[in-house]
Amino acid sequence: MADSVEDEEVAAELAMTEAESSSVDPAELDEAGELRRTYEELNDRHLRLVAEFSNFRRRTEQDRLSAWGRAQADVITKFLDVLDDLHRVAQLDMGNASVEAIMEGVDLVERKFSRMLEDAGVEVIEPAGQRFDPQTMEAIMRMPAESAEQDETVALVMQKGYALKGALMRPARVAVFKHG
């Protein structure tokens, strides 16, 4: 009879445990499973988007570097034409070449180079006689002005300035009149 009492106690405990575990509503279990699946789907989508964005950023950087390399190659190709012309002038036979012929060759090379810069959008800053502008000019020296009207105007351009599409590349280096 002791065995049957123990068996009854064990059975009662099992029934109690079953009752506690069955107190969880099956709908809640389905909802928790659905939430877990939704979470996993969203997490997977997030990880895929992060990977896609990382690949996009890498491809964009490679494309940018490639475009920059092609642009540099185009500019260098134009410089090579000017360099070839300079080599031809430098290899002139000095016994048969006149100073005028050499100067004409140098002038042609300079004009070709200037055209190339102009085609690239480079603007020359040639401020001779203009009012001094510290935004586009660098004053290297002062020269005495004969009148007050000449004060702060460019007396002499030592080196031309250059801008590319409005952005200053190099200021013009100038001498400026200073009165008094």
N, C-alpha and C. Protein backbone atom coordinates (compact mmCIF):
# COMPACT_ATOMS: atom_id res chain seq x y z
N MET A 1 0.81 -1.17 0.00
CA MET A 1 0.00 0.00 0.00
C MET A 1 0.86 1.24 0.00
N ALA A 2 2.06 1.14 0.55
CA ALA A 2 2.98 2.26 0.55
C ALA A 2 3.37 2.63 -0.87
N ASP A 3 3.51 1.62 -1.69
CA ASP A 3 3.86 1.90 -3.08
C ASP A 3 2.75 2.65 -3.79
N SER A 4 1.54 2.31 -3.49
CA SER A 4 0.44 2.98 -4.15
C SER A 4 0.30 4.41 -3.69
N VAL A 5 0.66 4.69 -2.41
CA VAL A 5 0.61 6.07 -1.92
C VAL A 5 1.70 6.88 -2.60
N GLU A 6 2.86 6.28 -2.72
CA GLU A 6 3.95 6.99 -3.41
C GLU A 6 3.61 7.21 -4.87
N ASP A 7 3.03 6.22 -5.49
CA ASP A 7 2.64 6.35 -6.90
C ASP A 7 1.60 7.45 -7.07
N GLU A 8 0.70 7.54 -6.11
CA GLU A 8 -0.32 8.58 -6.18
C GLU A 8 0.31 9.96 -6.01
N GLU A 9 1.30 10.06 -5.11
CA GLU A 9 1.96 11.35 -4.92
C GLU A 9 2.72 11.76 -6.18
N VAL A 10 3.41 10.83 -6.79
CA VAL A 10 4.16 11.11 -8.03
C VAL A 10 3.18 11.50 -9.13
N ALA A 11 2.07 10.81 -9.21
CA ALA A 11 1.07 11.12 -10.22
C ALA A 11 0.50 12.51 -10.00
N ALA A 12 0.29 12.87 -8.73
CA ALA A 12 -0.24 14.19 -8.41
C ALA A 12 0.77 15.27 -8.81
N GLU A 13 2.04 15.01 -8.53
CA GLU A 13 3.07 15.99 -8.92
C GLU A 13 3.13 16.14 -10.44
N LEU A 14 3.06 15.04 -11.15
CA LEU A 14 3.07 15.11 -12.62
C LEU A 14 1.87 15.89 -13.14
N ALA A 15 0.73 15.65 -12.53
CA ALA A 15 -0.48 16.36 -12.95
C ALA A 15 -0.33 17.85 -12.70
N MET A 16 0.30 18.19 -11.55
CA MET A 16 0.50 19.59 -11.19
C MET A 16 1.45 20.25 -12.20
N THR A 17 2.53 19.57 -12.53
CA THR A 17 3.50 20.09 -13.50
C THR A 17 2.84 20.26 -14.86
N GLU A 18 2.03 19.27 -15.25
CA GLU A 18 1.33 19.36 -16.53
C GLU A 18 0.37 20.53 -16.54
N ALA A 19 -0.30 20.72 -15.45
CA ALA A 19 -1.27 21.82 -15.36
C ALA A 19 -0.56 23.16 -15.48
N GLU A 20 0.61 23.25 -14.83
CA GLU A 20 1.37 24.51 -14.90
C GLU A 20 1.85 24.75 -16.32
N SER A 21 2.36 23.69 -16.98
CA SER A 21 2.88 23.88 -18.33
C SER A 21 1.75 24.10 -19.33
N SER A 22 0.59 23.56 -19.06
CA SER A 22 -0.51 23.76 -19.99
C SER A 22 -1.21 25.09 -19.75
N SER A 23 -0.80 25.80 -18.68
CA SER A 23 -1.41 27.09 -18.43
C SER A 23 -0.98 28.13 -19.47
N VAL A 24 0.13 27.86 -20.24
CA VAL A 24 0.56 28.74 -21.32
C VAL A 24 -0.38 28.51 -22.48
N ASP A 25 -0.99 29.57 -22.90
CA ASP A 25 -1.96 29.51 -23.98
C ASP A 25 -1.26 29.13 -25.29
N PRO A 26 -1.75 28.16 -26.05
CA PRO A 26 -1.13 27.79 -27.32
C PRO A 26 -1.08 28.98 -28.29
N ALA A 27 -2.00 29.90 -28.20
CA ALA A 27 -1.98 31.09 -29.07
C ALA A 27 -0.77 31.95 -28.76
N GLU A 28 -0.41 32.01 -27.45
CA GLU A 28 0.77 32.78 -27.08
C GLU A 28 2.04 32.12 -27.63
N LEU A 29 2.08 30.79 -27.62
CA LEU A 29 3.23 30.09 -28.20
C LEU A 29 3.34 30.36 -29.69
N ASP A 30 2.22 30.37 -30.40
CA ASP A 30 2.23 30.68 -31.84
C ASP A 30 2.69 32.11 -32.09
N GLU A 31 2.20 33.03 -31.25
CA GLU A 31 2.58 34.44 -31.40
C GLU A 31 4.07 34.64 -31.14
N ALA A 32 4.61 33.97 -30.12
CA ALA A 32 6.04 34.07 -29.82
C ALA A 32 6.87 33.50 -30.97
N GLY A 33 6.41 32.39 -31.51
CA GLY A 33 7.12 31.80 -32.67
C GLY A 33 7.08 32.72 -33.87
N GLU A 34 5.94 33.35 -34.10
CA GLU A 34 5.79 34.28 -35.21
C GLU A 34 6.70 35.50 -35.01
N LEU A 35 6.74 36.01 -33.78
CA LEU A 35 7.62 37.15 -33.48
C LEU A 35 9.08 36.78 -33.70
N ARG A 36 9.46 35.58 -33.30
CA ARG A 36 10.85 35.13 -33.49
C ARG A 36 11.17 35.03 -34.99
N ARG A 37 10.24 34.49 -35.79
CA ARG A 37 10.46 34.39 -37.24
C ARG A 37 10.57 35.78 -37.86
N THR A 38 9.70 36.70 -37.45
CA THR A 38 9.74 38.08 -37.96
C THR A 38 11.07 38.73 -37.60
N TYR A 39 11.50 38.54 -36.36
CA TYR A 39 12.79 39.09 -35.93
C TYR A 39 13.92 38.54 -36.78
N GLU A 40 13.93 37.24 -37.00
CA GLU A 40 15.00 36.62 -37.78
C GLU A 40 14.99 37.12 -39.22
N GLU A 41 13.79 37.29 -39.81
CA GLU A 41 13.68 37.82 -41.17
C GLU A 41 14.22 39.25 -41.24
N LEU A 42 13.80 40.06 -40.29
CA LEU A 42 14.27 41.46 -40.29
C LEU A 42 15.77 41.54 -40.05
N ASN A 43 16.29 40.72 -39.16
CA ASN A 43 17.72 40.71 -38.90
C ASN A 43 18.49 40.28 -40.16
N ASP A 44 17.96 39.26 -40.84
CA ASP A 44 18.60 38.80 -42.08
C ASP A 44 18.57 39.90 -43.14
N ARG A 45 17.42 40.59 -43.28
CA ARG A 45 17.30 41.68 -44.24
C ARG A 45 18.28 42.81 -43.90
N HIS A 46 18.39 43.12 -42.62
CA HIS A 46 19.33 44.17 -42.18
C HIS A 46 20.77 43.80 -42.55
N LEU A 47 21.16 42.57 -42.26
CA LEU A 47 22.53 42.14 -42.57
C LEU A 47 22.79 42.18 -44.07
N ARG A 48 21.80 41.80 -44.87
CA ARG A 48 21.96 41.86 -46.34
C ARG A 48 22.10 43.30 -46.82
N LEU A 49 21.30 44.21 -46.26
CA LEU A 49 21.39 45.63 -46.64
C LEU A 49 22.75 46.21 -46.27
N VAL A 50 23.25 45.86 -45.11
CA VAL A 50 24.58 46.33 -44.70
C VAL A 50 25.63 45.84 -45.68
N ALA A 51 25.55 44.59 -46.07
CA ALA A 51 26.52 44.03 -47.02
C ALA A 51 26.39 44.70 -48.38
N GLU A 52 25.14 44.92 -48.84
CA GLU A 52 24.94 45.59 -50.13
C GLU A 52 25.50 47.01 -50.10
N PHE A 53 25.25 47.73 -49.02
CA PHE A 53 25.75 49.10 -48.92
C PHE A 53 27.28 49.13 -48.91
N SER A 54 27.87 48.19 -48.20
CA SER A 54 29.33 48.11 -48.16
C SER A 54 29.89 47.84 -49.56
N ASN A 55 29.27 46.94 -50.29
CA ASN A 55 29.69 46.66 -51.67
C ASN A 55 29.49 47.88 -52.57
N PHE A 56 28.35 48.56 -52.40
CA PHE A 56 28.08 49.76 -53.19
C PHE A 56 29.14 50.82 -52.93
N ARG A 57 29.48 51.04 -51.65
CA ARG A 57 30.49 52.05 -51.31
C ARG A 57 31.84 51.69 -51.93
N ARG A 58 32.22 50.42 -51.89
CA ARG A 58 33.49 49.98 -52.46
C ARG A 58 33.50 50.17 -53.98
N ARG A 59 32.39 49.80 -54.64
CA ARG A 59 32.30 49.97 -56.10
C ARG A 59 32.35 51.44 -56.48
N THR A 60 31.66 52.29 -55.72
CA THR A 60 31.65 53.73 -56.00
C THR A 60 33.06 54.31 -55.87
N GLU A 61 33.78 53.91 -54.83
CA GLU A 61 35.15 54.39 -54.64
C GLU A 61 36.04 53.92 -55.79
N GLN A 62 35.89 52.68 -56.22
CA GLN A 62 36.67 52.17 -57.34
C GLN A 62 36.34 52.93 -58.63
N ASP A 63 35.05 53.20 -58.86
CA ASP A 63 34.64 53.96 -60.04
C ASP A 63 35.22 55.37 -60.02
N ARG A 64 35.18 56.00 -58.83
CA ARG A 64 35.73 57.35 -58.70
C ARG A 64 37.22 57.37 -58.99
N LEU A 65 37.95 56.41 -58.43
CA LEU A 65 39.39 56.34 -58.67
C LEU A 65 39.69 56.06 -60.14
N SER A 66 38.89 55.22 -60.75
CA SER A 66 39.08 54.90 -62.17
C SER A 66 38.83 56.13 -63.03
N ALA A 67 37.76 56.88 -62.74
CA ALA A 67 37.46 58.10 -63.50
C ALA A 67 38.57 59.13 -63.31
N TRP A 68 39.08 59.26 -62.08
CA TRP A 68 40.17 60.20 -61.81
C TRP A 68 41.41 59.79 -62.62
N GLY A 69 41.71 58.52 -62.68
CA GLY A 69 42.86 58.04 -63.45
C GLY A 69 42.71 58.34 -64.93
N ARG A 70 41.49 58.13 -65.47
CA ARG A 70 41.26 58.44 -66.89
C ARG A 70 41.39 59.93 -67.15
N ALA A 71 40.90 60.76 -66.23
CA ALA A 71 41.01 62.22 -66.41
C ALA A 71 42.47 62.64 -66.40
N GLN A 72 43.26 62.07 -65.50
CA GLN A 72 44.69 62.40 -65.46
C GLN A 72 45.37 61.96 -66.74
N ALA A 73 45.00 60.79 -67.25
CA ALA A 73 45.60 60.30 -68.49
C ALA A 73 45.28 61.24 -69.65
N ASP A 74 44.05 61.76 -69.71
CA ASP A 74 43.67 62.70 -70.77
C ASP A 74 44.52 63.96 -70.70
N VAL A 75 44.71 64.51 -69.50
CA VAL A 75 45.50 65.73 -69.34
C VAL A 75 46.96 65.46 -69.71
N ILE A 76 47.49 64.35 -69.25
CA ILE A 76 48.89 64.02 -69.55
C ILE A 76 49.10 63.83 -71.04
N THR A 77 48.12 63.24 -71.72
CA THR A 77 48.23 63.06 -73.17
C THR A 77 48.37 64.41 -73.87
N LYS A 78 47.62 65.39 -73.40
CA LYS A 78 47.72 66.74 -73.99
C LYS A 78 49.08 67.36 -73.69
N PHE A 79 49.61 67.13 -72.49
CA PHE A 79 50.93 67.64 -72.14
C PHE A 79 52.01 67.00 -73.02
N LEU A 80 51.81 65.75 -73.37
CA LEU A 80 52.81 65.05 -74.18
C LEU A 80 52.97 65.69 -75.55
N ASP A 81 51.89 66.19 -76.13
CA ASP A 81 51.98 66.89 -77.42
C ASP A 81 52.86 68.13 -77.28
N VAL A 82 52.65 68.89 -76.21
CA VAL A 82 53.46 70.09 -75.98
C VAL A 82 54.91 69.71 -75.72
N LEU A 83 55.12 68.65 -74.95
CA LEU A 83 56.48 68.19 -74.66
C LEU A 83 57.20 67.76 -75.94
N ASP A 84 56.49 67.08 -76.83
CA ASP A 84 57.09 66.69 -78.12
C ASP A 84 57.53 67.92 -78.90
N ASP A 85 56.70 68.96 -78.91
CA ASP A 85 57.06 70.20 -79.61
C ASP A 85 58.30 70.82 -78.98
N LEU A 86 58.37 70.82 -77.65
CA LEU A 86 59.57 71.37 -76.98
C LEU A 86 60.82 70.57 -77.34
N HIS A 87 60.69 69.26 -77.42
CA HIS A 87 61.84 68.42 -77.81
C HIS A 87 62.31 68.77 -79.22
N ARG A 88 61.36 69.00 -80.12
CA ARG A 88 61.73 69.36 -81.50
C ARG A 88 62.50 70.68 -81.52
N VAL A 89 62.05 71.65 -80.73
CA VAL A 89 62.75 72.94 -80.67
C VAL A 89 64.13 72.74 -80.05
N ALA A 90 64.23 71.93 -79.00
CA ALA A 90 65.51 71.71 -78.33
C ALA A 90 66.50 70.97 -79.22
N GLN A 91 66.02 70.18 -80.15
CA GLN A 91 66.92 69.38 -80.99
C GLN A 91 67.25 70.06 -82.32
N LEU A 92 66.89 71.33 -82.42
CA LEU A 92 67.25 72.07 -83.63
C LEU A 92 68.77 72.13 -83.77
N ASP A 93 69.23 72.07 -84.99
CA ASP A 93 70.66 72.19 -85.27
C ASP A 93 71.04 73.66 -85.13
N MET A 94 71.82 73.97 -84.10
CA MET A 94 72.17 75.36 -83.81
C MET A 94 73.00 75.99 -84.92
N GLY A 95 73.66 75.19 -85.70
CA GLY A 95 74.45 75.73 -86.81
C GLY A 95 73.57 76.28 -87.92
N ASN A 96 72.41 75.70 -88.10
CA ASN A 96 71.51 76.12 -89.19
C ASN A 96 70.31 76.92 -88.69
N ALA A 97 70.06 76.95 -87.38
CA ALA A 97 68.87 77.62 -86.85
C ALA A 97 69.19 79.06 -86.49
N SER A 98 68.26 79.93 -86.80
CA SER A 98 68.41 81.33 -86.43
C SER A 98 67.68 81.57 -85.11
N VAL A 99 68.03 82.65 -84.44
CA VAL A 99 67.37 83.01 -83.20
C VAL A 99 65.88 83.22 -83.44
N GLU A 100 65.56 83.82 -84.58
CA GLU A 100 64.15 84.06 -84.92
C GLU A 100 63.39 82.74 -85.06
N ALA A 101 64.00 81.73 -85.70
CA ALA A 101 63.34 80.43 -85.88
C ALA A 101 63.12 79.75 -84.53
N ILE A 102 64.11 79.84 -83.64
CA ILE A 102 63.97 79.23 -82.31
C ILE A 102 62.87 79.95 -81.53
N MET A 103 62.86 81.26 -81.56
CA MET A 103 61.83 82.03 -80.86
C MET A 103 60.44 81.74 -81.43
N GLU A 104 60.35 81.58 -82.73
CA GLU A 104 59.07 81.25 -83.35
C GLU A 104 58.58 79.89 -82.86
N GLY A 105 59.49 78.93 -82.76
CA GLY A 105 59.14 77.60 -82.26
C GLY A 105 58.66 77.65 -80.81
N VAL A 106 59.36 78.42 -79.99
CA VAL A 106 58.97 78.56 -78.58
C VAL A 106 57.61 79.25 -78.49
N ASP A 107 57.37 80.27 -79.29
CA ASP A 107 56.07 80.96 -79.30
C ASP A 107 54.94 80.01 -79.69
N LEU A 108 55.18 79.16 -80.69
CA LEU A 108 54.17 78.19 -81.10
C LEU A 108 53.84 77.22 -79.97
N VAL A 109 54.87 76.77 -79.27
CA VAL A 109 54.66 75.84 -78.15
C VAL A 109 53.88 76.54 -77.04
N GLU A 110 54.22 77.79 -76.76
CA GLU A 110 53.51 78.54 -75.72
C GLU A 110 52.04 78.72 -76.08
N ARG A 111 51.75 79.05 -77.33
CA ARG A 111 50.35 79.23 -77.75
C ARG A 111 49.58 77.90 -77.66
N LYS A 112 50.24 76.80 -78.05
CA LYS A 112 49.59 75.50 -77.98
C LYS A 112 49.29 75.13 -76.52
N PHE A 113 50.23 75.40 -75.66
CA PHE A 113 50.05 75.11 -74.24
C PHE A 113 48.93 75.98 -73.66
N SER A 114 48.89 77.25 -74.01
CA SER A 114 47.85 78.16 -73.53
C SER A 114 46.48 77.72 -74.01
N ARG A 115 46.38 77.28 -75.26
CA ARG A 115 45.10 76.78 -75.79
C ARG A 115 44.64 75.54 -75.02
N MET A 116 45.60 74.67 -74.70
CA MET A 116 45.28 73.46 -73.96
C MET A 116 44.72 73.82 -72.58
N LEU A 117 45.33 74.77 -71.90
CA LEU A 117 44.84 75.21 -70.59
C LEU A 117 43.46 75.85 -70.70
N GLU A 118 43.28 76.66 -71.73
CA GLU A 118 42.00 77.32 -71.95
C GLU A 118 40.90 76.29 -72.22
N ASP A 119 41.19 75.27 -73.02
CA ASP A 119 40.23 74.21 -73.30
C ASP A 119 39.86 73.44 -72.03
N ALA A 120 40.78 73.36 -71.09
CA ALA A 120 40.54 72.66 -69.82
C ALA A 120 39.76 73.53 -68.84
N GLY A 121 39.49 74.79 -69.19
CA GLY A 121 38.73 75.67 -68.31
C GLY A 121 39.59 76.52 -67.39
N VAL A 122 40.89 76.58 -67.65
CA VAL A 122 41.79 77.38 -66.83
C VAL A 122 41.72 78.84 -67.30
N GLU A 123 41.54 79.75 -66.33
CA GLU A 123 41.49 81.18 -66.63
C GLU A 123 42.80 81.83 -66.17
N VAL A 124 43.35 82.68 -67.01
CA VAL A 124 44.60 83.38 -66.67
C VAL A 124 44.23 84.66 -65.93
N ILE A 125 44.93 84.92 -64.83
CA ILE A 125 44.75 86.17 -64.07
C ILE A 125 45.92 87.07 -64.43
N GLU A 126 45.64 88.07 -65.24
CA GLU A 126 46.64 89.03 -65.72
C GLU A 126 46.21 90.41 -65.26
N PRO A 127 46.59 90.83 -64.05
CA PRO A 127 46.03 92.04 -63.45
C PRO A 127 46.78 93.35 -63.71
N ALA A 128 47.59 93.42 -64.72
CA ALA A 128 48.37 94.64 -64.97
C ALA A 128 47.45 95.86 -65.04
N GLY A 129 47.77 96.90 -64.24
CA GLY A 129 47.02 98.15 -64.24
C GLY A 129 45.73 98.11 -63.42
N GLN A 130 45.36 96.97 -62.89
CA GLN A 130 44.12 96.85 -62.11
C GLN A 130 44.37 97.19 -60.64
N ARG A 131 43.31 97.38 -59.94
CA ARG A 131 43.38 97.61 -58.50
C ARG A 131 43.82 96.31 -57.82
N PHE A 132 44.68 96.38 -56.83
CA PHE A 132 45.17 95.19 -56.13
C PHE A 132 44.01 94.47 -55.44
N ASP A 133 43.92 93.16 -55.67
CA ASP A 133 42.87 92.32 -55.07
C ASP A 133 43.55 91.17 -54.33
N PRO A 134 43.55 91.19 -53.01
CA PRO A 134 44.24 90.14 -52.26
C PRO A 134 43.60 88.75 -52.42
N GLN A 135 42.39 88.69 -52.97
CA GLN A 135 41.74 87.40 -53.20
C GLN A 135 42.37 86.64 -54.37
N THR A 136 42.93 87.38 -55.34
CA THR A 136 43.49 86.75 -56.53
C THR A 136 44.95 87.11 -56.78
N MET A 137 45.50 87.98 -55.92
CA MET A 137 46.87 88.44 -56.13
C MET A 137 47.69 88.34 -54.85
N GLU A 138 48.99 88.24 -55.04
CA GLU A 138 49.92 88.24 -53.93
C GLU A 138 50.93 89.36 -54.19
N ALA A 139 50.99 90.34 -53.28
CA ALA A 139 51.91 91.46 -53.45
C ALA A 139 53.30 91.02 -53.01
N ILE A 140 54.24 91.10 -53.92
CA ILE A 140 55.62 90.70 -53.63
C ILE A 140 56.46 91.90 -53.23
N MET A 141 56.16 93.05 -53.84
CA MET A 141 56.91 94.26 -53.50
C MET A 141 56.06 95.50 -53.74
N ARG A 142 56.54 96.61 -53.18
CA ARG A 142 55.88 97.90 -53.38
C ARG A 142 56.76 98.77 -54.26
N MET A 143 56.08 99.59 -55.04
CA MET A 143 56.80 100.55 -55.88
C MET A 143 56.22 101.93 -55.59
N PRO A 144 57.05 102.95 -55.58
CA PRO A 144 56.52 104.29 -55.29
C PRO A 144 55.58 104.77 -56.41
N ALA A 145 54.45 105.32 -56.00
CA ALA A 145 53.47 105.83 -56.96
C ALA A 145 53.72 107.32 -57.17
N GLU A 146 53.50 107.78 -58.39
CA GLU A 146 53.69 109.19 -58.71
C GLU A 146 52.48 110.02 -58.29
N SER A 147 51.31 109.36 -58.21
CA SER A 147 50.10 110.09 -57.83
C SER A 147 49.24 109.22 -56.91
N ALA A 148 48.27 109.87 -56.27
CA ALA A 148 47.37 109.16 -55.37
C ALA A 148 46.45 108.20 -56.13
N GLU A 149 46.18 108.50 -57.40
CA GLU A 149 45.32 107.62 -58.21
C GLU A 149 45.97 106.27 -58.46
N GLN A 150 47.29 106.24 -58.48
CA GLN A 150 48.00 104.98 -58.71
C GLN A 150 48.08 104.11 -57.46
N ASP A 151 47.78 104.68 -56.30
CA ASP A 151 47.90 103.95 -55.05
C ASP A 151 47.08 102.65 -55.09
N GLU A 152 47.70 101.55 -54.67
CA GLU A 152 47.08 100.22 -54.58
C GLU A 152 46.69 99.63 -55.93
N THR A 153 47.35 100.09 -57.00
CA THR A 153 47.14 99.44 -58.31
C THR A 153 48.37 98.61 -58.64
N VAL A 154 48.19 97.65 -59.52
CA VAL A 154 49.27 96.73 -59.89
C VAL A 154 50.22 97.47 -60.82
N ALA A 155 51.48 97.54 -60.42
CA ALA A 155 52.51 98.20 -61.22
C ALA A 155 53.14 97.23 -62.21
N LEU A 156 53.34 95.99 -61.76
CA LEU A 156 54.07 95.01 -62.57
C LEU A 156 53.61 93.61 -62.19
N VAL A 157 53.40 92.77 -63.20
CA VAL A 157 53.03 91.38 -62.94
C VAL A 157 54.30 90.54 -63.04
N MET A 158 54.70 89.95 -61.92
CA MET A 158 55.90 89.12 -61.89
C MET A 158 55.58 87.69 -62.38
N GLN A 159 54.39 87.23 -62.03
CA GLN A 159 53.97 85.89 -62.40
C GLN A 159 52.45 85.89 -62.52
N LYS A 160 51.94 85.39 -63.65
CA LYS A 160 50.49 85.35 -63.86
C LYS A 160 49.85 84.39 -62.85
N GLY A 161 48.58 84.66 -62.58
CA GLY A 161 47.81 83.77 -61.72
C GLY A 161 46.89 82.91 -62.56
N TYR A 162 46.36 81.86 -61.95
CA TYR A 162 45.49 80.94 -62.68
C TYR A 162 44.34 80.50 -61.79
N ALA A 163 43.17 80.37 -62.40
CA ALA A 163 41.98 79.87 -61.72
C ALA A 163 41.35 78.80 -62.59
N LEU A 164 40.76 77.80 -61.96
CA LEU A 164 40.08 76.73 -62.68
C LEU A 164 38.63 76.76 -62.27
N LYS A 165 37.77 77.14 -63.21
CA LYS A 165 36.33 77.20 -62.97
C LYS A 165 35.99 77.98 -61.71
N GLY A 166 36.63 79.12 -61.56
CA GLY A 166 36.35 80.01 -60.43
C GLY A 166 37.18 79.75 -59.19
N ALA A 167 37.86 78.61 -59.11
CA ALA A 167 38.68 78.29 -57.94
C ALA A 167 40.13 78.71 -58.22
N LEU A 168 40.68 79.52 -57.33
CA LEU A 168 42.05 80.01 -57.50
C LEU A 168 43.05 78.87 -57.38
N MET A 169 43.86 78.70 -58.42
CA MET A 169 44.90 77.68 -58.40
C MET A 169 46.22 78.28 -57.94
N ARG A 170 46.50 79.49 -58.43
CA ARG A 170 47.72 80.20 -58.03
C ARG A 170 47.45 81.68 -58.17
N PRO A 171 47.75 82.46 -57.12
CA PRO A 171 47.53 83.90 -57.22
C PRO A 171 48.57 84.54 -58.14
N ALA A 172 48.19 85.65 -58.73
CA ALA A 172 49.14 86.41 -59.54
C ALA A 172 50.11 87.10 -58.57
N ARG A 173 51.39 87.02 -58.85
CA ARG A 173 52.40 87.67 -58.01
C ARG A 173 52.75 89.01 -58.66
N VAL A 174 52.53 90.07 -57.88
CA VAL A 174 52.60 91.40 -58.46
C VAL A 174 53.39 92.38 -57.59
N ALA A 175 53.80 93.48 -58.24
CA ALA A 175 54.33 94.64 -57.55
C ALA A 175 53.21 95.68 -57.52
N VAL A 176 53.02 96.33 -56.37
CA VAL A 176 51.90 97.25 -56.19
C VAL A 176 52.43 98.66 -55.94
N PHE A 177 51.78 99.62 -56.62
CA PHE A 177 52.11 101.04 -56.35
C PHE A 177 51.63 101.41 -54.96
N LYS A 178 52.47 102.20 -54.25
CA LYS A 178 52.10 102.70 -52.93
C LYS A 178 52.44 104.18 -52.91
N HIS A 179 51.45 105.00 -52.65
CA HIS A 179 51.65 106.46 -52.64
C HIS A 179 51.96 106.90 -51.21
N GLY A 180 52.94 107.80 -51.12
CA GLY A 180 53.25 108.47 -49.88
C GLY A 180 53.90 107.64 -48.91
